[in-house]
Amino acid sequence: MSIDKYENVEKLIDIFQRFGKADWRKKTILGLKASEMRVLLCVKQGSVNSTKGTTVKYISKRLHVTSPTVTQMVNNLIEGGYVYRKSDTADRRITEIMLTEKGEQLADAAKKRYHDMFIGMIDHLGKEQSDQLIELLNQVFEYLDPDIKKDSE
Protein backbone atom coordinates (compact mmCIF):
# COMPACT_ATOMS: atom_id res chain seq x y z
CA MET A 1 0.00 0.00 0.00
CA SER A 2 1.45 3.31 -1.09
CA ILE A 3 1.08 6.35 1.14
CA ASP A 4 0.69 9.65 -0.66
CA LYS A 5 3.04 12.05 1.11
CA TYR A 6 1.11 14.97 -0.36
CA GLU A 7 -2.31 13.91 0.86
CA ASN A 8 -2.35 16.73 3.44
CA VAL A 9 -1.62 19.61 1.06
CA GLU A 10 -5.18 20.95 1.26
CA LYS A 11 -5.22 20.60 5.06
CA LEU A 12 -1.95 22.59 5.30
CA ILE A 13 -3.30 25.31 3.02
CA ASP A 14 -6.47 25.48 5.10
CA ILE A 15 -4.68 25.74 8.45
CA PHE A 16 -2.32 28.46 7.21
CA GLN A 17 -5.29 30.43 5.88
CA ARG A 18 -7.03 30.01 9.24
CA PHE A 19 -3.95 31.36 11.05
CA GLY A 20 -3.97 34.34 8.70
CA LYS A 21 -7.58 35.07 9.62
CA ALA A 22 -7.20 34.33 13.33
CA ASP A 23 -7.66 37.42 15.45
CA TRP A 24 -5.43 36.52 18.40
CA ARG A 25 -2.79 39.00 17.17
CA LYS A 26 -5.21 41.53 15.68
CA LYS A 27 -7.45 42.36 18.63
CA THR A 28 -7.03 45.60 20.47
CA ILE A 29 -5.08 44.89 23.62
CA LEU A 30 -5.72 47.03 26.64
CA GLY A 31 -6.81 49.90 24.40
CA LEU A 32 -4.06 49.72 21.75
CA LYS A 33 -3.96 48.10 18.33
CA ALA A 34 -2.02 44.83 18.37
CA SER A 35 0.66 46.34 16.12
CA GLU A 36 1.13 49.27 18.52
CA MET A 37 1.33 46.85 21.43
CA ARG A 38 4.07 44.90 19.64
CA VAL A 39 5.99 48.17 19.22
CA LEU A 40 5.48 49.00 22.90
CA LEU A 41 6.77 45.56 23.92
CA CYS A 42 9.70 45.97 21.55
CA VAL A 43 10.57 49.31 23.16
CA LYS A 44 10.46 47.59 26.55
CA GLN A 45 12.68 44.76 25.31
CA GLY A 46 15.11 47.20 23.69
CA SER A 47 15.32 49.19 26.90
CA VAL A 48 16.04 46.03 28.91
CA ASN A 49 18.96 45.24 26.61
CA SER A 50 20.54 48.67 27.14
CA THR A 51 20.66 51.43 29.70
CA LYS A 52 19.25 53.78 27.09
CA GLY A 53 16.06 53.60 25.09
CA THR A 54 15.69 51.93 21.75
CA THR A 55 15.60 53.22 18.20
CA VAL A 56 13.16 53.06 15.31
CA LYS A 57 15.82 51.07 13.43
CA TYR A 58 15.95 48.43 16.21
CA ILE A 59 12.14 48.15 16.33
CA SER A 60 11.92 47.97 12.55
CA LYS A 61 14.50 45.19 12.38
CA ARG A 62 12.99 43.28 15.29
CA LEU A 63 9.42 43.40 13.96
CA HIS A 64 10.40 43.04 10.27
CA VAL A 65 8.51 46.17 9.20
CA THR A 66 9.67 49.38 7.54
CA SER A 67 10.96 52.34 9.52
CA PRO A 68 8.14 54.65 8.30
CA THR A 69 5.60 52.12 9.61
CA VAL A 70 7.34 52.06 12.99
CA THR A 71 7.58 55.85 13.05
CA GLN A 72 3.83 56.16 12.52
CA MET A 73 3.10 53.73 15.35
CA VAL A 74 5.62 55.46 17.64
CA ASN A 75 3.91 58.79 16.91
CA ASN A 76 0.56 57.24 17.92
CA LEU A 77 2.12 55.89 21.11
CA ILE A 78 3.59 59.32 21.89
CA GLU A 79 0.15 60.91 21.42
CA GLY A 80 -1.29 58.32 23.80
CA GLY A 81 1.36 59.07 26.42
CA TYR A 82 2.97 55.61 26.29
CA VAL A 83 6.41 56.55 24.95
CA TYR A 84 8.54 59.62 24.38
CA ARG A 85 11.52 60.55 22.21
CA LYS A 86 14.84 61.63 23.63
CA SER A 87 18.03 62.69 21.82
CA ASP A 88 21.08 60.58 22.52
CA THR A 89 23.46 62.64 24.63
CA ALA A 90 26.54 61.23 22.87
CA ASP A 91 25.17 61.56 19.32
CA ARG A 92 22.33 64.00 18.71
CA ARG A 93 21.56 62.36 15.34
CA ILE A 94 20.21 59.35 17.23
CA THR A 95 16.74 59.56 18.75
CA GLU A 96 15.89 57.08 21.47
CA ILE A 97 12.39 55.85 22.19
CA MET A 98 11.63 55.47 25.91
CA LEU A 99 8.61 54.17 27.82
CA THR A 100 6.64 56.47 30.04
CA GLU A 101 5.34 55.13 33.35
CA LYS A 102 1.97 54.58 31.66
CA GLY A 103 3.71 52.70 28.82
CA GLU A 104 5.73 50.61 31.25
CA GLN A 105 2.60 49.53 33.12
CA LEU A 106 0.76 48.68 29.90
CA ALA A 107 3.74 46.76 28.48
CA ASP A 108 3.99 44.74 31.70
CA ALA A 109 0.27 43.94 31.59
CA ALA A 110 0.44 42.93 27.92
CA LYS A 111 3.51 40.78 28.48
CA LYS A 112 1.72 38.96 31.30
CA ARG A 113 -1.34 38.50 29.08
CA TYR A 114 0.78 37.00 26.25
CA HIS A 115 2.62 34.73 28.67
CA ASP A 116 -0.65 33.55 30.21
CA MET A 117 -2.06 32.76 26.76
CA PHE A 118 0.94 30.62 25.83
CA ILE A 119 1.05 28.99 29.27
CA GLY A 120 -2.55 27.96 28.61
CA MET A 121 -1.51 26.56 25.23
CA ILE A 122 1.30 24.54 26.84
CA ASP A 123 -1.15 23.28 29.47
CA HIS A 124 -3.55 22.30 26.68
CA LEU A 125 -0.94 20.53 24.52
CA GLY A 126 1.41 19.22 27.19
CA LYS A 127 5.18 19.68 27.30
CA GLU A 128 6.09 17.05 24.71
CA GLN A 129 3.67 18.31 22.07
CA SER A 130 4.60 21.94 22.86
CA ASP A 131 8.27 21.11 22.29
CA GLN A 132 7.37 19.37 19.02
CA LEU A 133 5.26 22.33 17.96
CA ILE A 134 8.12 24.74 18.59
CA GLU A 135 10.51 22.61 16.56
CA LEU A 136 8.05 22.18 13.70
CA LEU A 137 7.11 25.85 13.57
CA ASN A 138 10.79 26.83 13.50
CA GLN A 139 11.34 24.46 10.59
CA VAL A 140 8.29 25.84 8.75
CA PHE A 141 9.44 29.41 9.34
CA GLU A 142 12.95 28.62 8.07
CA TYR A 143 11.43 27.01 4.99
CA LEU A 144 9.08 29.91 4.27
CA ASP A 145 11.57 32.69 5.02
CA PRO A 146 15.15 31.38 4.99
CA ASP A 147 16.67 34.90 4.85
CA ILE A 148 15.43 35.88 8.29
CA LYS A 149 17.44 34.44 11.14
CA LYS A 150 15.75 33.26 14.31
CA ASP A 151 15.39 36.07 16.84
CA SER A 152 17.23 33.97 19.40
CA GLU A 153 20.40 33.90 17.29
C-alpha atoms as a PDB file:
ATOM      1  CA  MET A   1       0.000   0.000   0.000  1.00  0.00           C
ATOM      2  CA  SER A   2       1.450   3.310  -1.090  1.00  0.00           C
ATOM      3  CA  ILE A   3       1.079   6.352   1.138  1.00  0.00           C
ATOM      4  CA  ASP A   4       0.691   9.651  -0.662  1.00  0.00           C
ATOM      5  CA  LYS A   5       3.038  12.054   1.114  1.00  0.00           C
ATOM      6  CA  TYR A   6       1.110  14.974  -0.363  1.00  0.00           C
ATOM      7  CA  GLU A   7      -2.313  13.913   0.865  1.00  0.00           C
ATOM      8  CA  ASN A   8      -2.349  16.731   3.441  1.00  0.00           C
ATOM      9  CA  VAL A   9      -1.625  19.607   1.058  1.00  0.00           C
ATOM     10  CA  GLU A  10      -5.184  20.947   1.255  1.00  0.00           C
ATOM     11  CA  LYS A  11      -5.218  20.601   5.056  1.00  0.00           C
ATOM     12  CA  LEU A  12      -1.953  22.589   5.304  1.00  0.00           C
ATOM     13  CA  ILE A  13      -3.302  25.312   3.017  1.00  0.00           C
ATOM     14  CA  ASP A  14      -6.474  25.480   5.096  1.00  0.00           C
ATOM     15  CA  ILE A  15      -4.685  25.743   8.450  1.00  0.00           C
ATOM     16  CA  PHE A  16      -2.325  28.456   7.210  1.00  0.00           C
ATOM     17  CA  GLN A  17      -5.293  30.425   5.880  1.00  0.00           C
ATOM     18  CA  ARG A  18      -7.027  30.013   9.239  1.00  0.00           C
ATOM     19  CA  PHE A  19      -3.951  31.358  11.049  1.00  0.00           C
ATOM     20  CA  GLY A  20      -3.974  34.342   8.703  1.00  0.00           C
ATOM     21  CA  LYS A  21      -7.582  35.073   9.623  1.00  0.00           C
ATOM     22  CA  ALA A  22      -7.201  34.326  13.329  1.00  0.00           C
ATOM     23  CA  ASP A  23      -7.662  37.424  15.451  1.00  0.00           C
ATOM     24  CA  TRP A  24      -5.431  36.516  18.402  1.00  0.00           C
ATOM     25  CA  ARG A  25      -2.795  38.998  17.172  1.00  0.00           C
ATOM     26  CA  LYS A  26      -5.214  41.528  15.680  1.00  0.00           C
ATOM     27  CA  LYS A  27      -7.447  42.361  18.632  1.00  0.00           C
ATOM     28  CA  THR A  28      -7.027  45.599  20.474  1.00  0.00           C
ATOM     29  CA  ILE A  29      -5.079  44.886  23.616  1.00  0.00           C
ATOM     30  CA  LEU A  30      -5.716  47.032  26.640  1.00  0.00           C
ATOM     31  CA  GLY A  31      -6.809  49.904  24.396  1.00  0.00           C
ATOM     32  CA  LEU A  32      -4.057  49.715  21.751  1.00  0.00           C
ATOM     33  CA  LYS A  33      -3.959  48.103  18.330  1.00  0.00           C
ATOM     34  CA  ALA A  34      -2.019  44.831  18.367  1.00  0.00           C
ATOM     35  CA  SER A  35       0.659  46.342  16.117  1.00  0.00           C
ATOM     36  CA  GLU A  36       1.128  49.273  18.516  1.00  0.00           C
ATOM     37  CA  MET A  37       1.330  46.852  21.431  1.00  0.00           C
ATOM     38  CA  ARG A  38       4.067  44.898  19.640  1.00  0.00           C
ATOM     39  CA  VAL A  39       5.987  48.175  19.219  1.00  0.00           C
ATOM     40  CA  LEU A  40       5.476  48.997  22.899  1.00  0.00           C
ATOM     41  CA  LEU A  41       6.770  45.556  23.915  1.00  0.00           C
ATOM     42  CA  CYS A  42       9.698  45.971  21.552  1.00  0.00           C
ATOM     43  CA  VAL A  43      10.572  49.309  23.164  1.00  0.00           C
ATOM     44  CA  LYS A  44      10.461  47.593  26.551  1.00  0.00           C
ATOM     45  CA  GLN A  45      12.681  44.761  25.312  1.00  0.00           C
ATOM     46  CA  GLY A  46      15.114  47.197  23.694  1.00  0.00           C
ATOM     47  CA  SER A  47      15.317  49.191  26.904  1.00  0.00           C
ATOM     48  CA  VAL A  48      16.035  46.031  28.905  1.00  0.00           C
ATOM     49  CA  ASN A  49      18.964  45.245  26.613  1.00  0.00           C
ATOM     50  CA  SER A  50      20.544  48.666  27.144  1.00  0.00           C
ATOM     51  CA  THR A  51      20.659  51.426  29.698  1.00  0.00           C
ATOM     52  CA  LYS A  52      19.247  53.783  27.090  1.00  0.00           C
ATOM     53  CA  GLY A  53      16.062  53.601  25.093  1.00  0.00           C
ATOM     54  CA  THR A  54      15.692  51.926  21.752  1.00  0.00           C
ATOM     55  CA  THR A  55      15.597  53.224  18.196  1.00  0.00           C
ATOM     56  CA  VAL A  56      13.156  53.062  15.305  1.00  0.00           C
ATOM     57  CA  LYS A  57      15.816  51.073  13.435  1.00  0.00           C
ATOM     58  CA  TYR A  58      15.947  48.432  16.209  1.00  0.00           C
ATOM     59  CA  ILE A  59      12.142  48.153  16.332  1.00  0.00           C
ATOM     60  CA  SER A  60      11.917  47.970  12.545  1.00  0.00           C
ATOM     61  CA  LYS A  61      14.499  45.188  12.378  1.00  0.00           C
ATOM     62  CA  ARG A  62      12.995  43.275  15.291  1.00  0.00           C
ATOM     63  CA  LEU A  63       9.422  43.404  13.955  1.00  0.00           C
ATOM     64  CA  HIS A  64      10.402  43.037  10.270  1.00  0.00           C
ATOM     65  CA  VAL A  65       8.515  46.166   9.200  1.00  0.00           C
ATOM     66  CA  THR A  66       9.668  49.376   7.543  1.00  0.00           C
ATOM     67  CA  SER A  67      10.962  52.343   9.518  1.00  0.00           C
ATOM     68  CA  PRO A  68       8.143  54.647   8.298  1.00  0.00           C
ATOM     69  CA  THR A  69       5.604  52.121   9.606  1.00  0.00           C
ATOM     70  CA  VAL A  70       7.340  52.060  12.989  1.00  0.00           C
ATOM     71  CA  THR A  71       7.578  55.853  13.055  1.00  0.00           C
ATOM     72  CA  GLN A  72       3.826  56.160  12.520  1.00  0.00           C
ATOM     73  CA  MET A  73       3.095  53.730  15.354  1.00  0.00           C
ATOM     74  CA  VAL A  74       5.617  55.456  17.640  1.00  0.00           C
ATOM     75  CA  ASN A  75       3.907  58.785  16.911  1.00  0.00           C
ATOM     76  CA  ASN A  76       0.560  57.245  17.916  1.00  0.00           C
ATOM     77  CA  LEU A  77       2.124  55.887  21.106  1.00  0.00           C
ATOM     78  CA  ILE A  78       3.588  59.318  21.886  1.00  0.00           C
ATOM     79  CA  GLU A  79       0.154  60.912  21.417  1.00  0.00           C
ATOM     80  CA  GLY A  80      -1.289  58.321  23.805  1.00  0.00           C
ATOM     81  CA  GLY A  81       1.362  59.072  26.416  1.00  0.00           C
ATOM     82  CA  TYR A  82       2.965  55.609  26.289  1.00  0.00           C
ATOM     83  CA  VAL A  83       6.413  56.546  24.948  1.00  0.00           C
ATOM     84  CA  TYR A  84       8.541  59.624  24.376  1.00  0.00           C
ATOM     85  CA  ARG A  85      11.524  60.552  22.209  1.00  0.00           C
ATOM     86  CA  LYS A  86      14.844  61.633  23.627  1.00  0.00           C
ATOM     87  CA  SER A  87      18.026  62.689  21.819  1.00  0.00           C
ATOM     88  CA  ASP A  88      21.084  60.578  22.525  1.00  0.00           C
ATOM     89  CA  THR A  89      23.464  62.641  24.629  1.00  0.00           C
ATOM     90  CA  ALA A  90      26.540  61.230  22.872  1.00  0.00           C
ATOM     91  CA  ASP A  91      25.169  61.560  19.321  1.00  0.00           C
ATOM     92  CA  ARG A  92      22.331  64.001  18.706  1.00  0.00           C
ATOM     93  CA  ARG A  93      21.562  62.357  15.341  1.00  0.00           C
ATOM     94  CA  ILE A  94      20.205  59.350  17.227  1.00  0.00           C
ATOM     95  CA  THR A  95      16.742  59.559  18.746  1.00  0.00           C
ATOM     96  CA  GLU A  96      15.890  57.080  21.471  1.00  0.00           C
ATOM     97  CA  ILE A  97      12.388  55.848  22.194  1.00  0.00           C
ATOM     98  CA  MET A  98      11.631  55.474  25.907  1.00  0.00           C
ATOM     99  CA  LEU A  99       8.614  54.166  27.815  1.00  0.00           C
ATOM    100  CA  THR A 100       6.639  56.471  30.044  1.00  0.00           C
ATOM    101  CA  GLU A 101       5.339  55.133  33.349  1.00  0.00           C
ATOM    102  CA  LYS A 102       1.973  54.578  31.656  1.00  0.00           C
ATOM    103  CA  GLY A 103       3.711  52.704  28.817  1.00  0.00           C
ATOM    104  CA  GLU A 104       5.735  50.609  31.248  1.00  0.00           C
ATOM    105  CA  GLN A 105       2.602  49.535  33.119  1.00  0.00           C
ATOM    106  CA  LEU A 106       0.760  48.680  29.897  1.00  0.00           C
ATOM    107  CA  ALA A 107       3.742  46.761  28.482  1.00  0.00           C
ATOM    108  CA  ASP A 108       3.993  44.736  31.705  1.00  0.00           C
ATOM    109  CA  ALA A 109       0.266  43.942  31.593  1.00  0.00           C
ATOM    110  CA  ALA A 110       0.436  42.930  27.919  1.00  0.00           C
ATOM    111  CA  LYS A 111       3.514  40.776  28.484  1.00  0.00           C
ATOM    112  CA  LYS A 112       1.718  38.960  31.299  1.00  0.00           C
ATOM    113  CA  ARG A 113      -1.337  38.499  29.079  1.00  0.00           C
ATOM    114  CA  TYR A 114       0.776  37.005  26.252  1.00  0.00           C
ATOM    115  CA  HIS A 115       2.622  34.726  28.670  1.00  0.00           C
ATOM    116  CA  ASP A 116      -0.651  33.552  30.214  1.00  0.00           C
ATOM    117  CA  MET A 117      -2.061  32.760  26.764  1.00  0.00           C
ATOM    118  CA  PHE A 118       0.939  30.623  25.829  1.00  0.00           C
ATOM    119  CA  ILE A 119       1.054  28.991  29.268  1.00  0.00           C
ATOM    120  CA  GLY A 120      -2.545  27.963  28.610  1.00  0.00           C
ATOM    121  CA  MET A 121      -1.507  26.557  25.231  1.00  0.00           C
ATOM    122  CA  ILE A 122       1.299  24.543  26.840  1.00  0.00           C
ATOM    123  CA  ASP A 123      -1.148  23.276  29.474  1.00  0.00           C
ATOM    124  CA  HIS A 124      -3.554  22.300  26.682  1.00  0.00           C
ATOM    125  CA  LEU A 125      -0.940  20.529  24.522  1.00  0.00           C
ATOM    126  CA  GLY A 126       1.412  19.224  27.194  1.00  0.00           C
ATOM    127  CA  LYS A 127       5.183  19.684  27.297  1.00  0.00           C
ATOM    128  CA  GLU A 128       6.095  17.055  24.711  1.00  0.00           C
ATOM    129  CA  GLN A 129       3.671  18.310  22.072  1.00  0.00           C
ATOM    130  CA  SER A 130       4.601  21.935  22.858  1.00  0.00           C
ATOM    131  CA  ASP A 131       8.270  21.113  22.286  1.00  0.00           C
ATOM    132  CA  GLN A 132       7.371  19.370  19.017  1.00  0.00           C
ATOM    133  CA  LEU A 133       5.255  22.333  17.955  1.00  0.00           C
ATOM    134  CA  ILE A 134       8.123  24.738  18.586  1.00  0.00           C
ATOM    135  CA  GLU A 135      10.514  22.613  16.561  1.00  0.00           C
ATOM    136  CA  LEU A 136       8.047  22.177  13.696  1.00  0.00           C
ATOM    137  CA  LEU A 137       7.106  25.852  13.565  1.00  0.00           C
ATOM    138  CA  ASN A 138      10.793  26.830  13.503  1.00  0.00           C
ATOM    139  CA  GLN A 139      11.337  24.460  10.590  1.00  0.00           C
ATOM    140  CA  VAL A 140       8.289  25.844   8.748  1.00  0.00           C
ATOM    141  CA  PHE A 141       9.443  29.410   9.341  1.00  0.00           C
ATOM    142  CA  GLU A 142      12.950  28.616   8.074  1.00  0.00           C
ATOM    143  CA  TYR A 143      11.429  27.010   4.986  1.00  0.00           C
ATOM    144  CA  LEU A 144       9.079  29.911   4.269  1.00  0.00           C
ATOM    145  CA  ASP A 145      11.571  32.691   5.020  1.00  0.00           C
ATOM    146  CA  PRO A 146      15.155  31.383   4.993  1.00  0.00           C
ATOM    147  CA  ASP A 147      16.666  34.896   4.848  1.00  0.00           C
ATOM    148  CA  ILE A 148      15.432  35.882   8.286  1.00  0.00           C
ATOM    149  CA  LYS A 149      17.437  34.444  11.145  1.00  0.00           C
ATOM    150  CA  LYS A 150      15.754  33.255  14.308  1.00  0.00           C
ATOM    151  CA  ASP A 151      15.392  36.071  16.842  1.00  0.00           C
ATOM    152  CA  SER A 152      17.230  33.975  19.403  1.00  0.00           C
ATOM    153  CA  GLU A 153      20.402  33.902  17.292  1.00  0.00           C
END
